[in-house]
PDB file of N, CA and C in Angstrom:
ATOM      1  N   MET A   1     104.431  81.984 134.614  1.00  0.00           N
ATOM      2  CA  MET A   1     104.752  83.488 134.096  1.00  0.00           C
ATOM      3  C   MET A   1     104.003  83.844 132.946  1.00  0.00           C
ATOM      4  N   MET A   2     103.508  85.021 132.947  1.00  0.00           N
ATOM      5  CA  MET A   2     102.702  85.552 131.833  1.00  0.00           C
ATOM      6  C   MET A   2     103.452  86.109 130.659  1.00  0.00           C
ATOM      7  N   ASP A   3     103.075  85.927 129.358  1.00  0.00           N
ATOM      8  CA  ASP A   3     103.780  86.497 128.317  1.00  0.00           C
ATOM      9  C   ASP A   3     103.069  87.861 127.923  1.00  0.00           C
ATOM     10  N   ASP A   4     103.839  88.891 128.013  1.00  0.00           N
ATOM     11  CA  ASP A   4     103.309  90.257 127.833  1.00  0.00           C
ATOM     12  C   ASP A   4     103.604  90.873 126.481  1.00  0.00           C
ATOM     13  N   SER A   5     104.198  89.957 125.579  1.00  0.00           N
ATOM     14  CA  SER A   5     104.740  90.381 124.298  1.00  0.00           C
ATOM     15  C   SER A   5     103.736  91.045 123.363  1.00  0.00           C
ATOM     16  N   ASN A   6     102.411  90.622 123.613  1.00  0.00           N
ATOM     17  CA  ASN A   6     101.310  91.256 122.833  1.00  0.00           C
ATOM     18  C   ASN A   6     100.579  92.398 123.522  1.00  0.00           C
ATOM     19  N   ASN A   7     100.951  92.748 124.607  1.00  0.00           N
ATOM     20  CA  ASN A   7     100.347  93.679 125.458  1.00  0.00           C
ATOM     21  C   ASN A   7     100.930  95.172 125.080  1.00  0.00           C
ATOM     22  N   THR A   8     100.251  95.953 124.252  1.00  0.00           N
ATOM     23  CA  THR A   8     100.847  97.216 123.806  1.00  0.00           C
ATOM     24  C   THR A   8     100.871  98.286 124.934  1.00  0.00           C
ATOM     25  N   ALA A   9     100.239  98.025 126.034  1.00  0.00           N
ATOM     26  CA  ALA A   9     100.414  98.995 127.193  1.00  0.00           C
ATOM     27  C   ALA A   9     101.752  99.032 127.680  1.00  0.00           C
ATOM     28  N   ASN A  10     102.437  97.898 127.582  1.00  0.00           N
ATOM     29  CA  ASN A  10     103.841  97.694 128.181  1.00  0.00           C
ATOM     30  C   ASN A  10     104.924  98.092 127.129  1.00  0.00           C
ATOM     31  N   VAL A  11     104.497  98.511 125.898  1.00  0.00           N
ATOM     32  CA  VAL A  11     105.378  98.722 124.925  1.00  0.00           C
ATOM     33  C   VAL A  11     105.776 100.235 124.716  1.00  0.00           C
ATOM     34  N   GLU A  12     106.939 100.608 124.620  1.00  0.00           N
ATOM     35  CA  GLU A  12     107.554 101.909 124.522  1.00  0.00           C
ATOM     36  C   GLU A  12     107.199 102.407 123.026  1.00  0.00           C
ATOM     37  N   PRO A  13     106.518 103.475 122.805  1.00  0.00           N
ATOM     38  CA  PRO A  13     106.256 103.908 121.570  1.00  0.00           C
ATOM     39  C   PRO A  13     107.403 104.597 120.901  1.00  0.00           C
ATOM     40  N   GLU A  14     107.362 104.574 119.570  1.00  0.00           N
ATOM     41  CA  GLU A  14     108.421 105.336 118.801  1.00  0.00           C
ATOM     42  C   GLU A  14     107.807 106.721 118.698  1.00  0.00           C
ATOM     43  N   LEU A  15     108.720 107.859 118.995  1.00  0.00           N
ATOM     44  CA  LEU A  15     108.099 109.185 118.998  1.00  0.00           C
ATOM     45  C   LEU A  15     108.781 109.950 117.842  1.00  0.00           C
ATOM     46  N   ILE A  16     107.957 110.602 117.244  1.00  0.00           N
ATOM     47  CA  ILE A  16     108.345 111.627 116.267  1.00  0.00           C
ATOM     48  C   ILE A  16     108.120 113.001 116.981  1.00  0.00           C
ATOM     49  N   THR A  17     109.266 113.529 117.552  1.00  0.00           N
ATOM     50  CA  THR A  17     109.131 114.728 118.429  1.00  0.00           C
ATOM     51  C   THR A  17     109.414 116.068 117.699  1.00  0.00           C
ATOM     52  N   ILE A  18     108.492 116.998 117.982  1.00  0.00           N
ATOM     53  CA  ILE A  18     108.684 118.375 117.565  1.00  0.00           C
ATOM     54  C   ILE A  18     109.032 119.049 118.759  1.00  0.00           C
ATOM     55  N   VAL A  19     110.283 119.448 118.868  1.00  0.00           N
ATOM     56  CA  VAL A  19     110.788 120.125 120.213  1.00  0.00           C
ATOM     57  C   VAL A  19     110.086 121.408 120.515  1.00  0.00           C
ATOM     58  N   GLU A  20     110.157 122.303 119.489  1.00  0.00           N
ATOM     59  CA  GLU A  20     109.667 123.673 119.648  1.00  0.00           C
ATOM     60  C   GLU A  20     109.099 124.199 118.308  1.00  0.00           C
ATOM     61  N   GLY A  21     108.428 125.233 118.473  1.00  0.00           N
ATOM     62  CA  GLY A  21     107.809 125.823 117.317  1.00  0.00           C
ATOM     63  C   GLY A  21     106.268 125.695 117.384  1.00  0.00           C
ATOM     64  N   PRO A  22     105.610 126.232 116.273  1.00  0.00           N
ATOM     65  CA  PRO A  22     104.150 126.227 116.287  1.00  0.00           C
ATOM     66  C   PRO A  22     103.625 124.839 116.083  1.00  0.00           C
ATOM     67  N   GLU A  23     102.411 124.641 116.564  1.00  0.00           N
ATOM     68  CA  GLU A  23     101.673 123.362 116.426  1.00  0.00           C
ATOM     69  C   GLU A  23     101.640 123.014 114.808  1.00  0.00           C
ATOM     70  N   PRO A  24     101.845 121.752 114.426  1.00  0.00           N
ATOM     71  CA  PRO A  24     101.728 121.392 113.016  1.00  0.00           C
ATOM     72  C   PRO A  24     100.388 121.789 112.415  1.00  0.00           C
ATOM     73  N   GLN A  25     100.526 122.072 111.162  1.00  0.00           N
ATOM     74  CA  GLN A  25      99.168 122.448 110.460  1.00  0.00           C
ATOM     75  C   GLN A  25      98.591 121.138 110.003  1.00  0.00           C
ATOM     76  N   PHE A  26      97.497 120.713 110.471  1.00  0.00           N
ATOM     77  CA  PHE A  26      96.708 119.482 110.102  1.00  0.00           C
ATOM     78  C   PHE A  26      95.605 119.875 109.084  1.00  0.00           C
ATOM     79  N   SER A  27      95.446 118.932 108.142  1.00  0.00           N
ATOM     80  CA  SER A  27      94.437 119.226 107.052  1.00  0.00           C
ATOM     81  C   SER A  27      93.556 117.837 107.016  1.00  0.00           C
ATOM     82  N   ALA A  28      92.338 118.067 106.724  1.00  0.00           N
ATOM     83  CA  ALA A  28      91.411 116.903 106.517  1.00  0.00           C
ATOM     84  C   ALA A  28      91.846 116.251 105.143  1.00  0.00           C
ATOM     85  N   LEU A  29      91.537 114.864 105.243  1.00  0.00           N
ATOM     86  CA  LEU A  29      91.892 114.113 104.058  1.00  0.00           C
ATOM     87  C   LEU A  29      90.670 114.119 103.022  1.00  0.00           C
ATOM     88  N   ASP A  30      91.157 114.271 101.804  1.00  0.00           N
ATOM     89  CA  ASP A  30      90.210 113.997 100.759  1.00  0.00           C
ATOM     90  C   ASP A  30      90.558 112.906  99.842  1.00  0.00           C
ATOM     91  N   ASP A  31      91.647 112.199 100.118  1.00  0.00           N
ATOM     92  CA  ASP A  31      92.023 111.079  99.427  1.00  0.00           C
ATOM     93  C   ASP A  31      91.317 109.746  99.820  1.00  0.00           C
ATOM     94  N   THR A  32      90.669 109.050  98.884  1.00  0.00           N
ATOM     95  CA  THR A  32      89.843 107.954  99.168  1.00  0.00           C
ATOM     96  C   THR A  32      90.741 106.706  99.694  1.00  0.00           C
ATOM     97  N   TRP A  33      91.974 106.658  99.207  1.00  0.00           N
ATOM     98  CA  TRP A  33      92.812 105.578  99.609  1.00  0.00           C
ATOM     99  C   TRP A  33      93.123 105.748 101.171  1.00  0.00           C
ATOM    100  N   ALA A  34      93.083 106.854 101.657  1.00  0.00           N
ATOM    101  CA  ALA A  34      93.489 107.059 103.068  1.00  0.00           C
ATOM    102  C   ALA A  34      92.280 106.402 104.009  1.00  0.00           C
ATOM    103  N   LEU A  35      91.132 106.280 103.567  1.00  0.00           N
ATOM    104  CA  LEU A  35      90.105 105.743 104.291  1.00  0.00           C
ATOM    105  C   LEU A  35      90.451 104.317 104.769  1.00  0.00           C
ATOM    106  N   SER A  36      91.239 103.654 103.943  1.00  0.00           N
ATOM    107  CA  SER A  36      91.491 102.104 104.318  1.00  0.00           C
ATOM    108  C   SER A  36      92.558 102.034 105.299  1.00  0.00           C
ATOM    109  N   LEU A  37      93.208 103.048 105.738  1.00  0.00           N
ATOM    110  CA  LEU A  37      94.437 102.979 106.680  1.00  0.00           C
ATOM    111  C   LEU A  37      93.923 102.425 108.064  1.00  0.00           C
ATOM    112  N   LEU A  38      92.833 102.817 108.476  1.00  0.00           N
ATOM    113  CA  LEU A  38      92.275 102.406 109.794  1.00  0.00           C
ATOM    114  C   LEU A  38      91.014 101.807 109.728  1.00  0.00           C
ATOM    115  N   GLU A  39      90.841 100.800 108.829  1.00  0.00           N
ATOM    116  CA  GLU A  39      89.557 100.142 108.857  1.00  0.00           C
ATOM    117  C   GLU A  39      89.313  99.451 110.076  1.00  0.00           C
ATOM    118  N   GLY A  40      88.005  99.386 110.463  1.00  0.00           N
ATOM    119  CA  GLY A  40      87.633  98.714 111.574  1.00  0.00           C
ATOM    120  C   GLY A  40      86.010  98.892 111.904  1.00  0.00           C
ATOM    121  N   PRO A  41      85.589  98.480 113.020  1.00  0.00           N
ATOM    122  CA  PRO A  41      84.221  98.424 113.307  1.00  0.00           C
ATOM    123  C   PRO A  41      83.593  99.827 113.385  1.00  0.00           C
ATOM    124  N   ARG A  42      84.392 100.817 113.582  1.00  0.00           N
ATOM    125  CA  ARG A  42      83.797 102.181 113.493  1.00  0.00           C
ATOM    126  C   ARG A  42      84.767 103.186 112.866  1.00  0.00           C
ATOM    127  N   HIS A  43      84.251 104.356 112.492  1.00  0.00           N
ATOM    128  CA  HIS A  43      84.964 105.300 111.731  1.00  0.00           C
ATOM    129  C   HIS A  43      86.038 105.954 112.620  1.00  0.00           C
ATOM    130  N   VAL A  44      87.275 105.938 112.174  1.00  0.00           N
ATOM    131  CA  VAL A  44      88.322 106.590 112.808  1.00  0.00           C
ATOM    132  C   VAL A  44      88.873 107.558 111.849  1.00  0.00           C
ATOM    133  N   GLY A  45      88.753 108.932 112.102  1.00  0.00           N
ATOM    134  CA  GLY A  45      89.172 109.878 111.134  1.00  0.00           C
ATOM    135  C   GLY A  45      90.754 110.123 111.104  1.00  0.00           C
ATOM    136  N   LEU A  46      91.172 110.588 110.002  1.00  0.00           N
ATOM    137  CA  LEU A  46      92.606 110.808 109.794  1.00  0.00           C
ATOM    138  C   LEU A  46      92.813 112.288 109.303  1.00  0.00           C
ATOM    139  N   GLU A  47      93.929 112.790 109.759  1.00  0.00           N
ATOM    140  CA  GLU A  47      94.318 114.057 109.293  1.00  0.00           C
ATOM    141  C   GLU A  47      95.714 113.935 108.702  1.00  0.00           C
ATOM    142  N   HIS A  48      96.179 114.925 107.850  1.00  0.00           N
ATOM    143  CA  HIS A  48      97.471 114.879 107.263  1.00  0.00           C
ATOM    144  C   HIS A  48      98.204 116.002 107.819  1.00  0.00           C
ATOM    145  N   CYS A  49      99.505 115.857 108.069  1.00  0.00           N
ATOM    146  CA  CYS A  49     100.481 117.036 108.310  1.00  0.00           C
ATOM    147  C   CYS A  49     101.835 116.871 107.523  1.00  0.00           C
ATOM    148  N   LEU A  50     102.424 117.982 107.315  1.00  0.00           N
ATOM    149  CA  LEU A  50     103.736 117.968 106.637  1.00  0.00           C
ATOM    150  C   LEU A  50     104.708 118.669 107.590  1.00  0.00           C
ATOM    151  N   LEU A  51     105.809 117.950 107.651  1.00  0.00           N
ATOM    152  CA  LEU A  51     106.958 118.373 108.583  1.00  0.00           C
ATOM    153  C   LEU A  51     108.288 118.453 107.916  1.00  0.00           C
ATOM    154  N   ARG A  52     109.119 119.388 108.212  1.00  0.00           N
ATOM    155  CA  ARG A  52     110.421 119.339 107.587  1.00  0.00           C
ATOM    156  C   ARG A  52     111.275 118.451 108.470  1.00  0.00           C
ATOM    157  N   THR A  53     112.132 117.646 107.791  1.00  0.00           N
ATOM    158  CA  THR A  53     113.029 116.680 108.407  1.00  0.00           C
ATOM    159  C   THR A  53     114.489 116.625 107.879  1.00  0.00           C
ATOM    160  N   PHE A  54     115.456 116.427 108.483  1.00  0.00           N
ATOM    161  CA  PHE A  54     116.825 116.285 107.979  1.00  0.00           C
ATOM    162  C   PHE A  54     117.005 115.085 107.201  1.00  0.00           C
ATOM    163  N   SER A  55     116.270 113.946 107.646  1.00  0.00           N
ATOM    164  CA  SER A  55     116.606 112.785 106.991  1.00  0.00           C
ATOM    165  C   SER A  55     115.334 111.916 106.876  1.00  0.00           C
ATOM    166  N   GLY A  56     114.735 112.073 105.740  1.00  0.00           N
ATOM    167  CA  GLY A  56     113.336 111.377 105.510  1.00  0.00           C
ATOM    168  C   GLY A  56     113.523 109.875 105.540  1.00  0.00           C
ATOM    169  N   PRO A  57     114.473 109.278 104.857  1.00  0.00           N
ATOM    170  CA  PRO A  57     114.679 107.801 104.935  1.00  0.00           C
ATOM    171  C   PRO A  57     114.838 107.287 106.308  1.00  0.00           C
ATOM    172  N   ALA A  58     115.696 107.947 107.061  1.00  0.00           N
ATOM    173  CA  ALA A  58     115.817 107.507 108.496  1.00  0.00           C
ATOM    174  C   ALA A  58     114.601 107.548 109.387  1.00  0.00           C
ATOM    175  N   MET A  59     113.693 108.617 109.194  1.00  0.00           N
ATOM    176  CA  MET A  59     112.546 108.636 109.897  1.00  0.00           C
ATOM    177  C   MET A  59     111.555 107.620 109.491  1.00  0.00           C
ATOM    178  N   ILE A  60     111.487 107.245 108.100  1.00  0.00           N
ATOM    179  CA  ILE A  60     110.556 106.134 107.706  1.00  0.00           C
ATOM    180  C   ILE A  60     111.071 104.834 108.143  1.00  0.00           C
ATOM    181  N   GLU A  61     112.381 104.737 108.182  1.00  0.00           N
ATOM    182  CA  GLU A  61     112.980 103.314 108.819  1.00  0.00           C
ATOM    183  C   GLU A  61     112.595 103.271 110.239  1.00  0.00           C
ATOM    184  N   ARG A  62     112.663 104.237 111.013  1.00  0.00           N
ATOM    185  CA  ARG A  62     112.112 104.187 112.515  1.00  0.00           C
ATOM    186  C   ARG A  62     110.838 103.883 112.634  1.00  0.00           C
ATOM    187  N   CYS A  63     109.951 104.330 111.709  1.00  0.00           N
ATOM    188  CA  CYS A  63     108.424 104.080 111.754  1.00  0.00           C
ATOM    189  C   CYS A  63     108.328 102.628 111.409  1.00  0.00           C
ATOM    190  N   ARG A  64     108.909 102.172 110.292  1.00  0.00           N
ATOM    191  CA  ARG A  64     108.840 100.818 109.880  1.00  0.00           C
ATOM    192  C   ARG A  64     109.288  99.785 110.993  1.00  0.00           C
ATOM    193  N   ASN A  65     110.516 100.163 111.612  1.00  0.00           N
ATOM    194  CA  ASN A  65     110.958  99.216 112.539  1.00  0.00           C
ATOM    195  C   ASN A  65     109.913  99.061 113.748  1.00  0.00           C
ATOM    196  N   ALA A  66     109.369 100.160 114.267  1.00  0.00           N
ATOM    197  CA  ALA A  66     108.420 100.183 115.291  1.00  0.00           C
ATOM    198  C   ALA A  66     107.306  99.382 114.917  1.00  0.00           C
ATOM    199  N   TRP A  67     106.663  99.627 113.701  1.00  0.00           N
ATOM    200  CA  TRP A  67     105.407  98.833 113.329  1.00  0.00           C
ATOM    201  C   TRP A  67     105.770  97.300 113.275  1.00  0.00           C
ATOM    202  N   GLU A  68     106.861  97.105 112.688  1.00  0.00           N
ATOM    203  CA  GLU A  68     107.303  95.688 112.601  1.00  0.00           C
ATOM    204  C   GLU A  68     107.333  94.961 113.968  1.00  0.00           C
ATOM    205  N   GLN A  69     107.740  95.686 114.993  1.00  0.00           N
ATOM    206  CA  GLN A  69     107.893  95.225 116.253  1.00  0.00           C
ATOM    207  C   GLN A  69     106.553  95.343 117.144  1.00  0.00           C
ATOM    208  N   GLY A  70     105.559  95.895 116.502  1.00  0.00           N
ATOM    209  CA  GLY A  70     104.314  95.997 117.108  1.00  0.00           C
ATOM    210  C   GLY A  70     104.134  97.160 118.075  1.00  0.00           C
ATOM    211  N   ARG A  71     105.053  98.150 117.947  1.00  0.00           N
ATOM    212  CA  ARG A  71     104.987  99.345 118.758  1.00  0.00           C
ATOM    213  C   ARG A  71     104.345 100.383 118.077  1.00  0.00           C
ATOM    214  N   PRO A  72     103.616 101.252 118.730  1.00  0.00           N
ATOM    215  CA  PRO A  72     103.015 102.532 118.097  1.00  0.00           C
ATOM    216  C   PRO A  72     103.855 103.495 117.721  1.00  0.00           C
ATOM    217  N   VAL A  73     103.561 104.314 116.760  1.00  0.00           N
ATOM    218  CA  VAL A  73     104.394 105.565 116.466  1.00  0.00           C
ATOM    219  C   VAL A  73     103.474 106.688 116.734  1.00  0.00           C
ATOM    220  N   LEU A  74     104.061 107.658 117.460  1.00  0.00           N
ATOM    221  CA  LEU A  74     103.239 108.783 117.974  1.00  0.00           C
ATOM    222  C   LEU A  74     103.975 110.175 117.588  1.00  0.00           C
ATOM    223  N   LEU A  75     103.207 111.095 117.018  1.00  0.00           N
ATOM    224  CA  LEU A  75     103.659 112.381 116.749  1.00  0.00           C
ATOM    225  C   LEU A  75     103.512 113.091 118.138  1.00  0.00           C
ATOM    226  N   ASP A  76     104.648 113.677 118.610  1.00  0.00           N
ATOM    227  CA  ASP A  76     104.603 114.354 119.919  1.00  0.00           C
ATOM    228  C   ASP A  76     104.916 115.784 119.649  1.00  0.00           C
ATOM    229  N   PHE A  77     104.072 116.811 120.038  1.00  0.00           N
ATOM    230  CA  PHE A  77     104.275 118.084 119.536  1.00  0.00           C
ATOM    231  C   PHE A  77     103.589 119.081 120.629  1.00  0.00           C
ATOM    232  N   PRO A  78     104.146 120.397 120.631  1.00  0.00           N
ATOM    233  CA  PRO A  78     103.425 121.369 121.592  1.00  0.00           C
ATOM    234  C   PRO A  78     102.199 121.942 120.900  1.00  0.00           C
ATOM    235  N   ASN A  79     101.175 121.995 121.650  1.00  0.00           N
ATOM    236  CA  ASN A  79      99.956 122.776 120.976  1.00  0.00           C
ATOM    237  C   ASN A  79     100.084 124.176 121.118  1.00  0.00           C
ATOM    238  N   ARG A  80      98.955 124.938 120.842  1.00  0.00           N
ATOM    239  CA  ARG A  80      99.045 126.368 120.885  1.00  0.00           C
ATOM    240  C   ARG A  80      99.362 126.928 122.286  1.00  0.00           C
ATOM    241  N   LEU A  81      98.963 126.094 123.273  1.00  0.00           N
ATOM    242  CA  LEU A  81      99.158 126.636 124.744  1.00  0.00           C
ATOM    243  C   LEU A  81     100.426 126.129 125.264  1.00  0.00           C
ATOM    244  N   GLY A  82     101.229 125.348 124.445  1.00  0.00           N
ATOM    245  CA  GLY A  82     102.556 124.955 124.947  1.00  0.00           C
ATOM    246  C   GLY A  82     102.472 123.705 125.629  1.00  0.00           C
ATOM    247  N   LEU A  83     101.341 123.028 125.706  1.00  0.00           N
ATOM    248  CA  LEU A  83     101.039 121.684 126.329  1.00  0.00           C
ATOM    249  C   LEU A  83     101.462 120.569 125.307  1.00  0.00           C
ATOM    250  N   ARG A  84     102.087 119.422 125.609  1.00  0.00           N
ATOM    251  CA  ARG A  84     102.479 118.481 124.914  1.00  0.00           C
ATOM    252  C   ARG A  84     101.333 117.643 124.402  1.00  0.00           C
ATOM    253  N   ARG A  85     101.235 117.298 123.149  1.00  0.00           N
ATOM    254  CA  ARG A  85     100.033 116.328 122.546  1.00  0.00           C
ATOM    255  C   ARG A  85     100.760 115.225 121.840  1.00  0.00           C
ATOM    256  N   ARG A  86     100.139 114.174 121.809  1.00  0.00           N
ATOM    257  CA  ARG A  86     100.577 112.946 121.085  1.00  0.00           C
ATOM    258  C   ARG A  86      99.359 112.384 120.373  1.00  0.00           C
ATOM    259  N   LEU A  87      99.712 112.204 118.993  1.00  0.00           N
ATOM    260  CA  LEU A  87      98.695 111.539 118.106  1.00  0.00           C
ATOM    261  C   LEU A  87      99.215 110.319 117.399  1.00  0.00           C
ATOM    262  N   PRO A  88      98.524 109.241 117.387  1.00  0.00           N
ATOM    263  CA  PRO A  88      98.966 108.176 116.723  1.00  0.00           C
ATOM    264  C   PRO A  88      99.046 108.415 115.136  1.00  0.00           C
ATOM    265  N   VAL A  89     100.303 107.763 114.723  1.00  0.00           N
ATOM    266  CA  VAL A  89     100.685 107.954 113.348  1.00  0.00           C
ATOM    267  C   VAL A  89     100.247 106.668 112.625  1.00  0.00           C
ATOM    268  N   ALA A  90      99.389 106.829 111.612  1.00  0.00           N
ATOM    269  CA  ALA A  90      98.960 105.660 110.842  1.00  0.00           C
ATOM    270  C   ALA A  90      99.693 105.397 109.605  1.00  0.00           C
ATOM    271  N   ALA A  91     100.366 106.334 109.037  1.00  0.00           N
ATOM    272  CA  ALA A  91     101.066 106.127 107.832  1.00  0.00           C
ATOM    273  C   ALA A  91     102.109 107.329 107.698  1.00  0.00           C
ATOM    274  N   ALA A  92     103.239 106.998 107.065  1.00  0.00           N
ATOM    275  CA  ALA A  92     104.306 107.981 106.838  1.00  0.00           C
ATOM    276  C   ALA A  92     105.046 107.938 105.559  1.00  0.00           C
ATOM    277  N   ARG A  93     105.543 108.889 104.853  1.00  0.00           N
ATOM    278  CA  ARG A  93     106.258 108.864 103.725  1.00  0.00           C
ATOM    279  C   ARG A  93     107.143 110.086 103.688  1.00  0.00           C
ATOM    280  N   TYR A  94     108.261 110.280 103.010  1.00  0.00           N
ATOM    281  CA  TYR A  94     109.008 111.394 102.994  1.00  0.00           C
ATOM    282  C   TYR A  94     109.133 111.795 101.450  1.00  0.00           C
ATOM    283  N   GLU A  95     109.431 113.041 101.269  1.00  0.00           N
ATOM    284  CA  GLU A  95     109.471 113.596  99.875  1.00  0.00           C
ATOM    285  C   GLU A  95     110.629 114.575  99.857  1.00  0.00           C
ATOM    286  N   ALA A  96     111.553 114.478  98.864  1.00  0.00           N
ATOM    287  CA  ALA A  96     112.653 115.514  98.658  1.00  0.00           C
ATOM    288  C   ALA A  96     112.056 116.627  97.864  1.00  0.00           C
ATOM    289  N   ILE A  97     112.297 117.718  98.263  1.00  0.00           N
ATOM    290  CA  ILE A  97     111.740 118.959  97.643  1.00  0.00           C
ATOM    291  C   ILE A  97     113.016 119.854  97.453  1.00  0.00           C
ATOM    292  N   PRO A  98     113.097 120.910  96.640  1.00  0.00           N
ATOM    293  CA  PRO A  98     114.239 121.687  96.513  1.00  0.00           C
ATOM    294  C   PRO A  98     114.710 122.294  97.712  1.00  0.00           C
ATOM    295  N   GLU A  99     113.878 122.614  98.740  1.00  0.00           N
ATOM    296  CA  GLU A  99     114.304 123.240 100.072  1.00  0.00           C
ATOM    297  C   GLU A  99     114.818 122.166 101.012  1.00  0.00           C
ATOM    298  N   GLY A 100     114.728 120.885 100.762  1.00  0.00           N
ATOM    299  CA  GLY A 100     115.252 119.820 101.625  1.00  0.00           C
ATOM    300  C   GLY A 100     114.214 118.613 101.660  1.00  0.00           C
ATOM    301  N   MET A 101     113.950 118.130 102.762  1.00  0.00           N
ATOM    302  CA  MET A 101     113.123 116.846 102.824  1.00  0.00           C
ATOM    303  C   MET A 101     111.918 117.233 103.756  1.00  0.00           C
ATOM    304  N   VAL A 102     110.819 116.691 103.406  1.00  0.00           N
ATOM    305  CA  VAL A 102     109.715 116.740 104.278  1.00  0.00           C
ATOM    306  C   VAL A 102     109.020 115.451 104.557  1.00  0.00           C
ATOM    307  N   LEU A 103     108.458 115.336 105.653  1.00  0.00           N
ATOM    308  CA  LEU A 103     107.817 114.052 106.158  1.00  0.00           C
ATOM    309  C   LEU A 103     106.264 114.235 106.128  1.00  0.00           C
ATOM    310  N   HIS A 104     105.643 113.509 105.323  1.00  0.00           N
ATOM    311  CA  HIS A 104     104.196 113.434 105.364  1.00  0.00           C
ATOM    312  C   HIS A 104     103.761 112.262 106.403  1.00  0.00           C
ATOM    313  N   LEU A 105     102.878 112.885 107.305  1.00  0.00           N
ATOM    314  CA  LEU A 105     102.314 111.980 108.289  1.00  0.00           C
ATOM    315  C   LEU A 105     100.763 112.077 108.236  1.00  0.00           C
ATOM    316  N   TRP A 106     100.145 110.855 108.399  1.00  0.00           N
ATOM    317  CA  TRP A 106      98.749 110.717 108.466  1.00  0.00           C
ATOM    318  C   TRP A 106      98.515 110.221 109.904  1.00  0.00           C
ATOM    319  N   VAL A 107      97.772 111.100 110.730  1.00  0.00           N
ATOM    320  CA  VAL A 107      97.479 110.732 112.117  1.00  0.00           C
ATOM    321  C   VAL A 107      96.094 110.861 112.303  1.00  0.00           C
ATOM    322  N   ARG A 108      95.783 110.180 113.567  1.00  0.00           N
ATOM    323  CA  ARG A 108      94.299 110.206 113.981  1.00  0.00           C
ATOM    324  C   ARG A 108      93.816 111.587 114.157  1.00  0.00           C
ATOM    325  N   GLU A 109      92.654 111.877 114.012  1.00  0.00           N
ATOM    326  CA  GLU A 109      92.069 113.316 114.188  1.00  0.00           C
ATOM    327  C   GLU A 109      92.378 113.858 115.532  1.00  0.00           C
ATOM    328  N   ARG A 110      92.671 115.026 115.683  1.00  0.00           N
ATOM    329  CA  ARG A 110      93.065 115.730 116.981  1.00  0.00           C
ATOM    330  C   ARG A 110      91.885 115.563 117.940  1.00  0.00           C
ATOM    331  N   GLY A 111      90.639 115.575 117.456  1.00  0.00           N
ATOM    332  CA  GLY A 111      89.430 115.672 118.323  1.00  0.00           C
ATOM    333  C   GLY A 111      89.046 114.139 118.841  1.00  0.00           C
ATOM    334  N   SER A 112      89.782 113.020 118.196  1.00  0.00           N
ATOM    335  CA  SER A 112      89.528 111.686 118.669  1.00  0.00           C
ATOM    336  C   SER A 112      89.792 111.460 120.216  1.00  0.00           C
ATOM    337  N   THR A 113      88.885 110.951 120.837  1.00  0.00           N
ATOM    338  CA  THR A 113      89.057 110.756 122.273  1.00  0.00           C
ATOM    339  C   THR A 113      90.012 109.532 122.497  1.00  0.00           C
ATOM    340  N   GLU A 114      90.233 108.630 121.463  1.00  0.00           N
ATOM    341  CA  GLU A 114      91.119 107.698 121.701  1.00  0.00           C
ATOM    342  C   GLU A 114      92.622 107.938 121.300  1.00  0.00           C
ATOM    343  N   ALA A 115      92.720 109.198 120.748  1.00  0.00           N
ATOM    344  CA  ALA A 115      94.090 109.558 120.336  1.00  0.00           C
ATOM    345  C   ALA A 115      95.025 109.548 121.438  1.00  0.00           C
ATOM    346  N   ALA A 116      95.958 108.563 121.482  1.00  0.00           N
ATOM    347  CA  ALA A 116      97.042 108.379 122.384  1.00  0.00           C
ATOM    348  C   ALA A 116      96.580 108.529 123.877  1.00  0.00           C
ATOM    349  N   GLY A 117      95.542 107.982 124.195  1.00  0.00           N
ATOM    350  CA  GLY A 117      95.085 107.731 125.587  1.00  0.00           C
ATOM    351  C   GLY A 117      94.446 108.991 126.169  1.00  0.00           C
ATOM    352  N   GLU A 118      93.957 109.963 125.193  1.00  0.00           N
ATOM    353  CA  GLU A 118      93.458 111.233 125.774  1.00  0.00           C
ATOM    354  C   GLU A 118      92.161 111.047 126.217  1.00  0.00           C
TER     355      GLU A 118
END
């Protein structure tokens, strides 16, 4: 019997799902620390987006649990045409602001052909 515990193709991803609304606003990174998030043999670009959330700590805990289990975290959202897109999340943090909580996500560039199997 084969051990598939390290095979990520058979692993259910953790989804951060935007059910409806406009496509998230993505911005290019100018933070030098972010370049170290996806070190590897070739350049993989990252973009940042900011989302409202009801519970920032719970969202971060979901991400941490998935990463500790070796599961990917994907941002799942509708694009401008209403089609679903999924982008791999490389890092996340939350911030409390006067209006509530926001979730900062660093995701692979939307144009990346490797992004979530596209």
